[in-house]
């Protein structure tokens, strides 16, 4: 499957960069997600929300990309929050305990509000 199966849209709200993902975050697309998050921090915008409302599936490479991005972002005092996880992604997120590493919010608005403080 081509990495075109994942769309990444970037916007900004309240000084927080919002990455809206649509599709599947898997081996071929995961590096694009990681690179987009890290580039934002390098560009001086280290507070970001990953909108997962339209994400159908995340494999181990995708979860690994989120962790790799966090590690890189910490060098830039960056922070990532996740929003609107679908039930399958949320279940896996919690099963592998990423909810202990990342903050998860029910909506993008709630995540942006939390990071804008």
PDB file of N, CA and C in Angstrom:
ATOM      1  N   UNK A   1       0.843  -1.189   0.000  1.00  0.00           N
ATOM      2  CA  UNK A   1       0.000   0.000   0.000  1.00  0.00           C
ATOM      3  C   UNK A   1       0.877   1.238   0.000  1.00  0.00           C
ATOM      4  N   UNK A   2       0.525   2.203  -0.762  1.00  0.00           N
ATOM      5  CA  UNK A   2       1.261   3.448  -0.897  1.00  0.00           C
ATOM      6  C   UNK A   2       1.045   4.339   0.313  1.00  0.00           C
ATOM      7  N   UNK A   3       2.043   5.195   0.601  1.00  0.00           N
ATOM      8  CA  UNK A   3       1.879   6.121   1.715  1.00  0.00           C
ATOM      9  C   UNK A   3       0.854   7.197   1.383  1.00  0.00           C
ATOM     10  N   UNK A   4       0.350   7.231   0.137  1.00  0.00           N
ATOM     11  CA  UNK A   4      -0.708   8.168  -0.205  1.00  0.00           C
ATOM     12  C   UNK A   4      -2.020   7.807   0.483  1.00  0.00           C
ATOM     13  N   UNK A   5      -2.039   6.672   1.155  1.00  0.00           N
ATOM     14  CA  UNK A   5      -3.231   6.274   1.899  1.00  0.00           C
ATOM     15  C   UNK A   5      -3.438   7.161   3.128  1.00  0.00           C
ATOM     16  N   UNK A   6      -2.466   8.015   3.434  1.00  0.00           N
ATOM     17  CA  UNK A   6      -2.585   8.909   4.579  1.00  0.00           C
ATOM     18  C   UNK A   6      -2.491  10.355   4.106  1.00  0.00           C
ATOM     19  N   UNK A   7      -3.473  11.147   4.480  1.00  0.00           N
ATOM     20  CA  UNK A   7      -3.442  12.586   4.216  1.00  0.00           C
ATOM     21  C   UNK A   7      -3.082  13.300   5.512  1.00  0.00           C
ATOM     22  N   UNK A   8      -2.219  14.304   5.396  1.00  0.00           N
ATOM     23  CA  UNK A   8      -1.826  15.109   6.550  1.00  0.00           C
ATOM     24  C   UNK A   8      -2.156  16.556   6.227  1.00  0.00           C
ATOM     25  N   UNK A   9      -3.040  17.143   7.020  1.00  0.00           N
ATOM     26  CA  UNK A   9      -3.377  18.556   6.861  1.00  0.00           C
ATOM     27  C   UNK A   9      -2.886  19.305   8.092  1.00  0.00           C
ATOM     28  N   UNK A  10      -2.318  20.461   7.869  1.00  0.00           N
ATOM     29  CA  UNK A  10      -1.753  21.266   8.947  1.00  0.00           C
ATOM     30  C   UNK A  10      -2.495  22.592   9.026  1.00  0.00           C
ATOM     31  N   UNK A  11      -2.885  22.966  10.230  1.00  0.00           N
ATOM     32  CA  UNK A  11      -3.518  24.257  10.460  1.00  0.00           C
ATOM     33  C   UNK A  11      -3.012  24.788  11.795  1.00  0.00           C
ATOM     34  N   UNK A  12      -3.451  25.968  12.165  1.00  0.00           N
ATOM     35  CA  UNK A  12      -3.023  26.542  13.433  1.00  0.00           C
ATOM     36  C   UNK A  12      -4.223  27.147  14.152  1.00  0.00           C
ATOM     37  N   UNK A  13      -4.253  26.966  15.460  1.00  0.00           N
ATOM     38  CA  UNK A  13      -5.331  27.500  16.280  1.00  0.00           C
ATOM     39  C   UNK A  13      -4.776  27.892  17.639  1.00  0.00           C
ATOM     40  N   UNK A  14      -4.907  29.129  17.993  1.00  0.00           N
ATOM     41  CA  UNK A  14      -4.458  29.586  19.306  1.00  0.00           C
ATOM     42  C   UNK A  14      -2.983  29.359  19.569  1.00  0.00           C
ATOM     43  N   UNK A  15      -2.152  29.464  18.539  1.00  0.00           N
ATOM     44  CA  UNK A  15      -0.717  29.242  18.707  1.00  0.00           C
ATOM     45  C   UNK A  15      -0.326  27.773  18.762  1.00  0.00           C
ATOM     46  N   UNK A  16      -1.267  26.907  18.508  1.00  0.00           N
ATOM     47  CA  UNK A  16      -1.030  25.464  18.512  1.00  0.00           C
ATOM     48  C   UNK A  16      -1.200  24.954  17.089  1.00  0.00           C
ATOM     49  N   UNK A  17      -0.245  24.159  16.631  1.00  0.00           N
ATOM     50  CA  UNK A  17      -0.340  23.566  15.304  1.00  0.00           C
ATOM     51  C   UNK A  17      -1.189  22.302  15.408  1.00  0.00           C
ATOM     52  N   UNK A  18      -2.148  22.173  14.515  1.00  0.00           N
ATOM     53  CA  UNK A  18      -3.024  21.002  14.494  1.00  0.00           C
ATOM     54  C   UNK A  18      -2.729  20.207  13.232  1.00  0.00           C
ATOM     55  N   UNK A  19      -2.347  18.957  13.423  1.00  0.00           N
ATOM     56  CA  UNK A  19      -2.136  18.040  12.313  1.00  0.00           C
ATOM     57  C   UNK A  19      -3.345  17.118  12.259  1.00  0.00           C
ATOM     58  N   UNK A  20      -4.108  17.229  11.196  1.00  0.00           N
ATOM     59  CA  UNK A  20      -5.271  16.358  11.012  1.00  0.00           C
ATOM     60  C   UNK A  20      -4.861  15.230  10.082  1.00  0.00           C
ATOM     61  N   UNK A  21      -4.928  14.017  10.592  1.00  0.00           N
ATOM     62  CA  UNK A  21      -4.541  12.847   9.814  1.00  0.00           C
ATOM     63  C   UNK A  21      -5.796  12.155   9.304  1.00  0.00           C
ATOM     64  N   UNK A  22      -5.706  11.641   8.081  1.00  0.00           N
ATOM     65  CA  UNK A  22      -6.843  10.923   7.511  1.00  0.00           C
ATOM     66  C   UNK A  22      -6.321   9.695   6.782  1.00  0.00           C
ATOM     67  N   UNK A  23      -6.783   8.528   7.234  1.00  0.00           N
ATOM     68  CA  UNK A  23      -6.371   7.283   6.590  1.00  0.00           C
ATOM     69  C   UNK A  23      -5.691   6.346   7.569  1.00  0.00           C
ATOM     70  N   UNK A  24      -4.607   5.761   7.090  1.00  0.00           N
ATOM     71  CA  UNK A  24      -3.891   4.749   7.867  1.00  0.00           C
ATOM     72  C   UNK A  24      -2.466   5.214   8.150  1.00  0.00           C
ATOM     73  N   UNK A  25      -2.042   5.102   9.410  1.00  0.00           N
ATOM     74  CA  UNK A  25      -0.672   5.438   9.787  1.00  0.00           C
ATOM     75  C   UNK A  25       0.057   4.109   9.917  1.00  0.00           C
ATOM     76  N   UNK A  26       0.836   3.790   8.888  1.00  0.00           N
ATOM     77  CA  UNK A  26       1.532   2.510   8.864  1.00  0.00           C
ATOM     78  C   UNK A  26       2.940   2.699   8.340  1.00  0.00           C
ATOM     79  N   UNK A  27       3.642   1.604   8.121  1.00  0.00           N
ATOM     80  CA  UNK A  27       5.076   1.640   7.824  1.00  0.00           C
ATOM     81  C   UNK A  27       5.478   2.666   6.766  1.00  0.00           C
ATOM     82  N   UNK A  28       4.751   2.750   5.683  1.00  0.00           N
ATOM     83  CA  UNK A  28       5.140   3.675   4.616  1.00  0.00           C
ATOM     84  C   UNK A  28       4.809   5.127   4.924  1.00  0.00           C
ATOM     85  N   UNK A  29       3.771   5.368   5.678  1.00  0.00           N
ATOM     86  CA  UNK A  29       3.361   6.746   5.955  1.00  0.00           C
ATOM     87  C   UNK A  29       3.893   7.290   7.279  1.00  0.00           C
ATOM     88  N   UNK A  30       4.279   6.428   8.182  1.00  0.00           N
ATOM     89  CA  UNK A  30       4.712   6.860   9.516  1.00  0.00           C
ATOM     90  C   UNK A  30       5.870   7.859   9.483  1.00  0.00           C
ATOM     91  N   UNK A  31       6.886   7.661   8.641  1.00  0.00           N
ATOM     92  CA  UNK A  31       7.974   8.650   8.622  1.00  0.00           C
ATOM     93  C   UNK A  31       7.506  10.054   8.227  1.00  0.00           C
ATOM     94  N   UNK A  32       6.503  10.155   7.364  1.00  0.00           N
ATOM     95  CA  UNK A  32       5.968  11.469   6.992  1.00  0.00           C
ATOM     96  C   UNK A  32       5.328  12.161   8.188  1.00  0.00           C
ATOM     97  N   UNK A  33       4.631  11.381   9.003  1.00  0.00           N
ATOM     98  CA  UNK A  33       4.003  11.948  10.208  1.00  0.00           C
ATOM     99  C   UNK A  33       5.084  12.445  11.157  1.00  0.00           C
ATOM    100  N   UNK A  34       6.050  11.590  11.431  1.00  0.00           N
ATOM    101  CA  UNK A  34       7.155  11.971  12.330  1.00  0.00           C
ATOM    102  C   UNK A  34       7.843  13.231  11.821  1.00  0.00           C
ATOM    103  N   UNK A  35       8.184  13.251  10.541  1.00  0.00           N
ATOM    104  CA  UNK A  35       8.907  14.396   9.976  1.00  0.00           C
ATOM    105  C   UNK A  35       8.084  15.678  10.046  1.00  0.00           C
ATOM    106  N   UNK A  36       6.790  15.601   9.823  1.00  0.00           N
ATOM    107  CA  UNK A  36       5.927  16.785   9.899  1.00  0.00           C
ATOM    108  C   UNK A  36       5.908  17.348  11.319  1.00  0.00           C
ATOM    109  N   UNK A  37       5.799  16.478  12.308  1.00  0.00           N
ATOM    110  CA  UNK A  37       5.767  16.930  13.700  1.00  0.00           C
ATOM    111  C   UNK A  37       7.100  17.562  14.093  1.00  0.00           C
ATOM    112  N   UNK A  38       8.195  16.924  13.744  1.00  0.00           N
ATOM    113  CA  UNK A  38       9.518  17.433  14.097  1.00  0.00           C
ATOM    114  C   UNK A  38       9.798  18.754  13.381  1.00  0.00           C
ATOM    115  N   UNK A  39       9.413  18.848  12.109  1.00  0.00           N
ATOM    116  CA  UNK A  39       9.628  20.088  11.350  1.00  0.00           C
ATOM    117  C   UNK A  39       8.896  21.259  11.996  1.00  0.00           C
ATOM    118  N   UNK A  40       7.708  21.021  12.509  1.00  0.00           N
ATOM    119  CA  UNK A  40       6.952  22.081  13.171  1.00  0.00           C
ATOM    120  C   UNK A  40       7.716  22.615  14.378  1.00  0.00           C
ATOM    121  N   UNK A  41       8.278  21.723  15.163  1.00  0.00           N
ATOM    122  CA  UNK A  41       9.049  22.140  16.340  1.00  0.00           C
ATOM    123  C   UNK A  41      10.295  22.917  15.910  1.00  0.00           C
ATOM    124  N   UNK A  42      10.962  22.436  14.888  1.00  0.00           N
ATOM    125  CA  UNK A  42      12.163  23.130  14.388  1.00  0.00           C
ATOM    126  C   UNK A  42      11.829  24.520  13.852  1.00  0.00           C
ATOM    127  N   UNK A  43      10.605  24.682  13.349  1.00  0.00           N
ATOM    128  CA  UNK A  43      10.162  25.966  12.820  1.00  0.00           C
ATOM    129  C   UNK A  43       9.663  26.905  13.918  1.00  0.00           C
ATOM    130  N   UNK A  44       9.849  26.514  15.180  1.00  0.00           N
ATOM    131  CA  UNK A  44       9.464  27.373  16.290  1.00  0.00           C
ATOM    132  C   UNK A  44       8.021  27.224  16.728  1.00  0.00           C
ATOM    133  N   UNK A  45       7.378  26.143  16.327  1.00  0.00           N
ATOM    134  CA  UNK A  45       5.991  25.883  16.735  1.00  0.00           C
ATOM    135  C   UNK A  45       5.945  24.513  17.416  1.00  0.00           C
ATOM    136  N   UNK A  46       6.420  24.448  18.648  1.00  0.00           N
ATOM    137  CA  UNK A  46       6.575  23.150  19.309  1.00  0.00           C
ATOM    138  C   UNK A  46       5.336  22.598  20.010  1.00  0.00           C
ATOM    139  N   UNK A  47       4.234  23.363  20.042  1.00  0.00           N
ATOM    140  CA  UNK A  47       3.001  22.850  20.663  1.00  0.00           C
ATOM    141  C   UNK A  47       2.084  22.362  19.564  1.00  0.00           C
ATOM    142  N   UNK A  48       1.714  21.084  19.632  1.00  0.00           N
ATOM    143  CA  UNK A  48       0.905  20.534  18.551  1.00  0.00           C
ATOM    144  C   UNK A  48      -0.096  19.506  19.017  1.00  0.00           C
ATOM    145  N   UNK A  49      -1.162  19.431  18.229  1.00  0.00           N
ATOM    146  CA  UNK A  49      -2.233  18.462  18.449  1.00  0.00           C
ATOM    147  C   UNK A  49      -2.298  17.577  17.215  1.00  0.00           C
ATOM    148  N   UNK A  50      -2.425  16.288  17.436  1.00  0.00           N
ATOM    149  CA  UNK A  50      -2.627  15.347  16.341  1.00  0.00           C
ATOM    150  C   UNK A  50      -4.093  14.924  16.387  1.00  0.00           C
ATOM    151  N   UNK A  51      -4.828  15.375  15.385  1.00  0.00           N
ATOM    152  CA  UNK A  51      -6.252  15.059  15.264  1.00  0.00           C
ATOM    153  C   UNK A  51      -6.379  13.685  14.610  1.00  0.00           C
ATOM    154  N   UNK A  52      -6.878  12.730  15.369  1.00  0.00           N
ATOM    155  CA  UNK A  52      -6.954  11.340  14.922  1.00  0.00           C
ATOM    156  C   UNK A  52      -8.376  10.933  14.530  1.00  0.00           C
ATOM    157  N   UNK A  53      -9.291  11.884  14.422  1.00  0.00           N
ATOM    158  CA  UNK A  53     -10.700  11.561  14.170  1.00  0.00           C
ATOM    159  C   UNK A  53     -10.903  10.748  12.896  1.00  0.00           C
ATOM    160  N   UNK A  54     -10.085  10.977  11.879  1.00  0.00           N
ATOM    161  CA  UNK A  54     -10.260  10.285  10.602  1.00  0.00           C
ATOM    162  C   UNK A  54      -9.205   9.208  10.359  1.00  0.00           C
ATOM    163  N   UNK A  55      -8.536   8.784  11.434  1.00  0.00           N
ATOM    164  CA  UNK A  55      -7.531   7.719  11.302  1.00  0.00           C
ATOM    165  C   UNK A  55      -8.221   6.376  11.490  1.00  0.00           C
ATOM    166  N   UNK A  56      -8.067   5.534  10.494  1.00  0.00           N
ATOM    167  CA  UNK A  56      -8.711   4.222  10.495  1.00  0.00           C
ATOM    168  C   UNK A  56      -7.890   3.161  11.221  1.00  0.00           C
ATOM    169  N   UNK A  57      -6.559   3.309  11.165  1.00  0.00           N
ATOM    170  CA  UNK A  57      -5.681   2.246  11.643  1.00  0.00           C
ATOM    171  C   UNK A  57      -4.309   2.824  11.917  1.00  0.00           C
ATOM    172  N   UNK A  58      -3.655   2.329  12.964  1.00  0.00           N
ATOM    173  CA  UNK A  58      -2.262   2.670  13.253  1.00  0.00           C
ATOM    174  C   UNK A  58      -1.541   1.371  13.551  1.00  0.00           C
ATOM    175  N   UNK A  59      -0.432   1.105  12.835  1.00  0.00           N
ATOM    176  CA  UNK A  59       0.338  -0.099  13.121  1.00  0.00           C
ATOM    177  C   UNK A  59       1.521   0.251  14.029  1.00  0.00           C
ATOM    178  N   UNK A  60       2.352  -0.724  14.314  1.00  0.00           N
ATOM    179  CA  UNK A  60       3.464  -0.505  15.238  1.00  0.00           C
ATOM    180  C   UNK A  60       4.424   0.564  14.725  1.00  0.00           C
ATOM    181  N   UNK A  61       4.619   0.648  13.414  1.00  0.00           N
ATOM    182  CA  UNK A  61       5.482   1.693  12.861  1.00  0.00           C
ATOM    183  C   UNK A  61       4.880   3.072  13.109  1.00  0.00           C
ATOM    184  N   UNK A  62       3.566   3.170  13.021  1.00  0.00           N
ATOM    185  CA  UNK A  62       2.896   4.437  13.292  1.00  0.00           C
ATOM    186  C   UNK A  62       3.055   4.866  14.736  1.00  0.00           C
ATOM    187  N   UNK A  63       2.828   3.928  15.652  1.00  0.00           N
ATOM    188  CA  UNK A  63       3.011   4.263  17.068  1.00  0.00           C
ATOM    189  C   UNK A  63       4.467   4.599  17.349  1.00  0.00           C
ATOM    190  N   UNK A  64       5.373   3.884  16.695  1.00  0.00           N
ATOM    191  CA  UNK A  64       6.804   4.179  16.839  1.00  0.00           C
ATOM    192  C   UNK A  64       7.147   5.571  16.350  1.00  0.00           C
ATOM    193  N   UNK A  65       6.499   6.007  15.279  1.00  0.00           N
ATOM    194  CA  UNK A  65       6.737   7.353  14.752  1.00  0.00           C
ATOM    195  C   UNK A  65       6.297   8.420  15.747  1.00  0.00           C
ATOM    196  N   UNK A  66       5.182   8.182  16.426  1.00  0.00           N
ATOM    197  CA  UNK A  66       4.721   9.145  17.435  1.00  0.00           C
ATOM    198  C   UNK A  66       5.744   9.255  18.568  1.00  0.00           C
ATOM    199  N   UNK A  67       6.285   8.123  18.996  1.00  0.00           N
ATOM    200  CA  UNK A  67       7.277   8.133  20.074  1.00  0.00           C
ATOM    201  C   UNK A  67       8.571   8.789  19.606  1.00  0.00           C
ATOM    202  N   UNK A  68       9.007   8.479  18.380  1.00  0.00           N
ATOM    203  CA  UNK A  68      10.220   9.094  17.830  1.00  0.00           C
ATOM    204  C   UNK A  68      10.043  10.605  17.714  1.00  0.00           C
ATOM    205  N   UNK A  69       8.871  11.040  17.293  1.00  0.00           N
ATOM    206  CA  UNK A  69       8.603  12.474  17.188  1.00  0.00           C
ATOM    207  C   UNK A  69       8.673  13.131  18.563  1.00  0.00           C
ATOM    208  N   UNK A  70       8.099  12.495  19.564  1.00  0.00           N
ATOM    209  CA  UNK A  70       8.134  13.045  20.917  1.00  0.00           C
ATOM    210  C   UNK A  70       9.573  13.197  21.395  1.00  0.00           C
ATOM    211  N   UNK A  71      10.379  12.178  21.159  1.00  0.00           N
ATOM    212  CA  UNK A  71      11.785  12.220  21.574  1.00  0.00           C
ATOM    213  C   UNK A  71      12.495  13.400  20.915  1.00  0.00           C
ATOM    214  N   UNK A  72      12.283  13.579  19.620  1.00  0.00           N
ATOM    215  CA  UNK A  72      12.894  14.702  18.910  1.00  0.00           C
ATOM    216  C   UNK A  72      12.333  16.042  19.399  1.00  0.00           C
ATOM    217  N   UNK A  73      11.033  16.086  19.658  1.00  0.00           N
ATOM    218  CA  UNK A  73      10.401  17.329  20.090  1.00  0.00           C
ATOM    219  C   UNK A  73      10.893  17.779  21.456  1.00  0.00           C
ATOM    220  N   UNK A  74      11.242  16.852  22.302  1.00  0.00           N
ATOM    221  CA  UNK A  74      11.701  17.212  23.633  1.00  0.00           C
ATOM    222  C   UNK A  74      12.965  18.072  23.569  1.00  0.00           C
ATOM    223  N   UNK A  75      13.746  17.925  22.496  1.00  0.00           N
ATOM    224  CA  UNK A  75      14.928  18.767  22.306  1.00  0.00           C
ATOM    225  C   UNK A  75      14.541  20.214  22.013  1.00  0.00           C
ATOM    226  N   UNK A  76      13.307  20.420  21.556  1.00  0.00           N
ATOM    227  CA  UNK A  76      12.798  21.756  21.231  1.00  0.00           C
ATOM    228  C   UNK A  76      11.730  22.203  22.231  1.00  0.00           C
ATOM    229  N   UNK A  77      11.683  21.559  23.407  1.00  0.00           N
ATOM    230  CA  UNK A  77      10.664  21.830  24.421  1.00  0.00           C
ATOM    231  C   UNK A  77       9.268  21.688  23.828  1.00  0.00           C
ATOM    232  N   UNK A  78       9.111  20.729  22.939  1.00  0.00           N
ATOM    233  CA  UNK A  78       7.838  20.501  22.284  1.00  0.00           C
ATOM    234  C   UNK A  78       6.919  19.605  23.079  1.00  0.00           C
ATOM    235  N   UNK A  79       5.644  19.685  22.738  1.00  0.00           N
ATOM    236  CA  UNK A  79       4.637  18.856  23.383  1.00  0.00           C
ATOM    237  C   UNK A  79       3.606  18.445  22.337  1.00  0.00           C
ATOM    238  N   UNK A  80       3.180  17.204  22.416  1.00  0.00           N
ATOM    239  CA  UNK A  80       2.169  16.678  21.504  1.00  0.00           C
ATOM    240  C   UNK A  80       0.991  16.194  22.332  1.00  0.00           C
ATOM    241  N   UNK A  81      -0.193  16.551  21.898  1.00  0.00           N
ATOM    242  CA  UNK A  81      -1.416  15.998  22.478  1.00  0.00           C
ATOM    243  C   UNK A  81      -2.186  15.339  21.340  1.00  0.00           C
ATOM    244  N   UNK A  82      -2.929  14.309  21.663  1.00  0.00           N
ATOM    245  CA  UNK A  82      -3.745  13.612  20.672  1.00  0.00           C
ATOM    246  C   UNK A  82      -5.206  13.916  20.944  1.00  0.00           C
ATOM    247  N   UNK A  83      -5.985  13.937  19.869  1.00  0.00           N
ATOM    248  CA  UNK A  83      -7.400  14.268  20.006  1.00  0.00           C
ATOM    249  C   UNK A  83      -8.257  13.356  19.143  1.00  0.00           C
ATOM    250  N   UNK A  84      -9.448  13.075  19.652  1.00  0.00           N
ATOM    251  CA  UNK A  84     -10.511  12.407  18.897  1.00  0.00           C
ATOM    252  C   UNK A  84     -10.095  11.037  18.357  1.00  0.00           C
ATOM    253  N   UNK A  85      -9.491  10.226  19.209  1.00  0.00           N
ATOM    254  CA  UNK A  85      -9.129   8.880  18.777  1.00  0.00           C
ATOM    255  C   UNK A  85     -10.391   8.045  18.573  1.00  0.00           C
ATOM    256  N   UNK A  86     -10.448   7.343  17.444  1.00  0.00           N
ATOM    257  CA  UNK A  86     -11.539   6.405  17.210  1.00  0.00           C
ATOM    258  C   UNK A  86     -11.423   5.235  18.164  1.00  0.00           C
ATOM    259  N   UNK A  87     -12.472   4.469  18.324  1.00  0.00           N
ATOM    260  CA  UNK A  87     -12.488   3.416  19.343  1.00  0.00           C
ATOM    261  C   UNK A  87     -11.385   2.373  19.147  1.00  0.00           C
ATOM    262  N   UNK A  88     -11.126   1.942  17.921  1.00  0.00           N
ATOM    263  CA  UNK A  88     -10.080   0.933  17.704  1.00  0.00           C
ATOM    264  C   UNK A  88      -8.692   1.484  17.988  1.00  0.00           C
ATOM    265  N   UNK A  89      -8.428   2.689  17.507  1.00  0.00           N
ATOM    266  CA  UNK A  89      -7.127   3.310  17.753  1.00  0.00           C
ATOM    267  C   UNK A  89      -6.977   3.605  19.240  1.00  0.00           C
ATOM    268  N   UNK A  90      -8.024   4.099  19.869  1.00  0.00           N
ATOM    269  CA  UNK A  90      -7.984   4.394  21.299  1.00  0.00           C
ATOM    270  C   UNK A  90      -7.695   3.139  22.118  1.00  0.00           C
ATOM    271  N   UNK A  91      -8.342   2.059  21.759  1.00  0.00           N
ATOM    272  CA  UNK A  91      -8.126   0.802  22.481  1.00  0.00           C
ATOM    273  C   UNK A  91      -6.663   0.372  22.398  1.00  0.00           C
ATOM    274  N   UNK A  92      -6.104   0.427  21.208  1.00  0.00           N
ATOM    275  CA  UNK A  92      -4.697   0.042  21.038  1.00  0.00           C
ATOM    276  C   UNK A  92      -3.779   1.032  21.731  1.00  0.00           C
ATOM    277  N   UNK A  93      -4.082   2.311  21.626  1.00  0.00           N
ATOM    278  CA  UNK A  93      -3.302   3.362  22.280  1.00  0.00           C
ATOM    279  C   UNK A  93      -3.177   3.070  23.771  1.00  0.00           C
ATOM    280  N   UNK A  94      -4.296   2.701  24.377  1.00  0.00           N
ATOM    281  CA  UNK A  94      -4.299   2.427  25.818  1.00  0.00           C
ATOM    282  C   UNK A  94      -3.683   1.069  26.141  1.00  0.00           C
ATOM    283  N   UNK A  95      -3.900   0.092  25.274  1.00  0.00           N
ATOM    284  CA  UNK A  95      -3.339  -1.243  25.484  1.00  0.00           C
ATOM    285  C   UNK A  95      -1.820  -1.200  25.559  1.00  0.00           C
ATOM    286  N   UNK A  96      -1.211  -0.409  24.683  1.00  0.00           N
ATOM    287  CA  UNK A  96       0.253  -0.319  24.708  1.00  0.00           C
ATOM    288  C   UNK A  96       0.733   0.845  25.581  1.00  0.00           C
ATOM    289  N   UNK A  97      -0.206   1.402  26.333  1.00  0.00           N
ATOM    290  CA  UNK A  97       0.058   2.397  27.372  1.00  0.00           C
ATOM    291  C   UNK A  97       0.619   3.725  26.874  1.00  0.00           C
ATOM    292  N   UNK A  98       0.306   4.072  25.660  1.00  0.00           N
ATOM    293  CA  UNK A  98       0.733   5.384  25.169  1.00  0.00           C
ATOM    294  C   UNK A  98      -0.025   6.510  25.849  1.00  0.00           C
ATOM    295  N   UNK A  99      -1.158   6.184  26.458  1.00  0.00           N
ATOM    296  CA  UNK A  99      -1.899   7.205  27.203  1.00  0.00           C
ATOM    297  C   UNK A  99      -1.143   7.648  28.447  1.00  0.00           C
ATOM    298  N   UNK A 100      -0.104   6.927  28.812  1.00  0.00           N
ATOM    299  CA  UNK A 100       0.747   7.338  29.940  1.00  0.00           C
ATOM    300  C   UNK A 100       1.873   8.258  29.485  1.00  0.00           C
ATOM    301  N   UNK A 101       2.114   8.277  28.174  1.00  0.00           N
ATOM    302  CA  UNK A 101       3.178   9.107  27.608  1.00  0.00           C
ATOM    303  C   UNK A 101       2.601  10.377  26.996  1.00  0.00           C
ATOM    304  N   UNK A 102       1.469  10.233  26.322  1.00  0.00           N
ATOM    305  CA  UNK A 102       0.827  11.345  25.630  1.00  0.00           C
ATOM    306  C   UNK A 102      -0.496  11.692  26.306  1.00  0.00           C
ATOM    307  N   UNK A 103      -0.863  12.959  26.215  1.00  0.00           N
ATOM    308  CA  UNK A 103      -2.166  13.391  26.685  1.00  0.00           C
ATOM    309  C   UNK A 103      -3.175  13.167  25.564  1.00  0.00           C
ATOM    310  N   UNK A 104      -4.316  12.604  25.920  1.00  0.00           N
ATOM    311  CA  UNK A 104      -5.375  12.340  24.949  1.00  0.00           C
ATOM    312  C   UNK A 104      -6.602  13.161  25.344  1.00  0.00           C
ATOM    313  N   UNK A 105      -7.170  13.874  24.373  1.00  0.00           N
ATOM    314  CA  UNK A 105      -8.343  14.703  24.604  1.00  0.00           C
ATOM    315  C   UNK A 105      -9.494  14.214  23.734  1.00  0.00           C
ATOM    316  N   UNK A 106     -10.719  14.445  24.162  1.00  0.00           N
ATOM    317  CA  UNK A 106     -11.862  13.977  23.377  1.00  0.00           C
ATOM    318  C   UNK A 106     -12.076  14.742  22.075  1.00  0.00           C
ATOM    319  N   UNK A 107     -11.546  15.965  21.988  1.00  0.00           N
ATOM    320  CA  UNK A 107     -11.743  16.769  20.784  1.00  0.00           C
ATOM    321  C   UNK A 107     -10.512  17.633  20.534  1.00  0.00           C
ATOM    322  N   UNK A 108     -10.412  18.092  19.311  1.00  0.00           N
ATOM    323  CA  UNK A 108      -9.319  19.015  18.954  1.00  0.00           C
ATOM    324  C   UNK A 108      -9.441  20.299  19.772  1.00  0.00           C
ATOM    325  N   UNK A 109     -10.667  20.783  19.925  1.00  0.00           N
ATOM    326  CA  UNK A 109     -10.882  22.020  20.680  1.00  0.00           C
ATOM    327  C   UNK A 109     -10.376  21.893  22.116  1.00  0.00           C
ATOM    328  N   UNK A 110     -10.649  20.759  22.749  1.00  0.00           N
ATOM    329  CA  UNK A 110     -10.193  20.534  24.120  1.00  0.00           C
ATOM    330  C   UNK A 110      -8.677  20.453  24.180  1.00  0.00           C
ATOM    331  N   UNK A 111      -8.072  19.813  23.202  1.00  0.00           N
ATOM    332  CA  UNK A 111      -6.609  19.691  23.161  1.00  0.00           C
ATOM    333  C   UNK A 111      -5.950  21.048  22.953  1.00  0.00           C
ATOM    334  N   UNK A 112      -6.480  21.827  22.024  1.00  0.00           N
ATOM    335  CA  UNK A 112      -5.932  23.156  21.756  1.00  0.00           C
ATOM    336  C   UNK A 112      -6.069  24.030  23.000  1.00  0.00           C
ATOM    337  N   UNK A 113      -7.215  23.973  23.659  1.00  0.00           N
ATOM    338  CA  UNK A 113      -7.421  24.761  24.876  1.00  0.00           C
ATOM    339  C   UNK A 113      -6.401  24.394  25.948  1.00  0.00           C
ATOM    340  N   UNK A 114      -6.153  23.104  26.102  1.00  0.00           N
ATOM    341  CA  UNK A 114      -5.193  22.641  27.118  1.00  0.00           C
ATOM    342  C   UNK A 114      -3.779  23.105  26.799  1.00  0.00           C
ATOM    343  N   UNK A 115      -3.399  23.089  25.534  1.00  0.00           N
ATOM    344  CA  UNK A 115      -2.036  23.483  25.164  1.00  0.00           C
ATOM    345  C   UNK A 115      -1.871  24.987  25.053  1.00  0.00           C
ATOM    346  N   UNK A 116      -2.959  25.718  24.994  1.00  0.00           N
ATOM    347  CA  UNK A 116      -2.893  27.173  24.876  1.00  0.00           C
ATOM    348  C   UNK A 116      -2.675  27.853  26.225  1.00  0.00           C
ATOM    349  N   UNK A 117      -2.802  27.100  27.281  1.00  0.00           N
ATOM    350  CA  UNK A 117      -2.663  27.687  28.632  1.00  0.00           C
ATOM    351  C   UNK A 117      -1.237  28.028  28.941  1.00  0.00           C
TER     352      UNK A 117
END
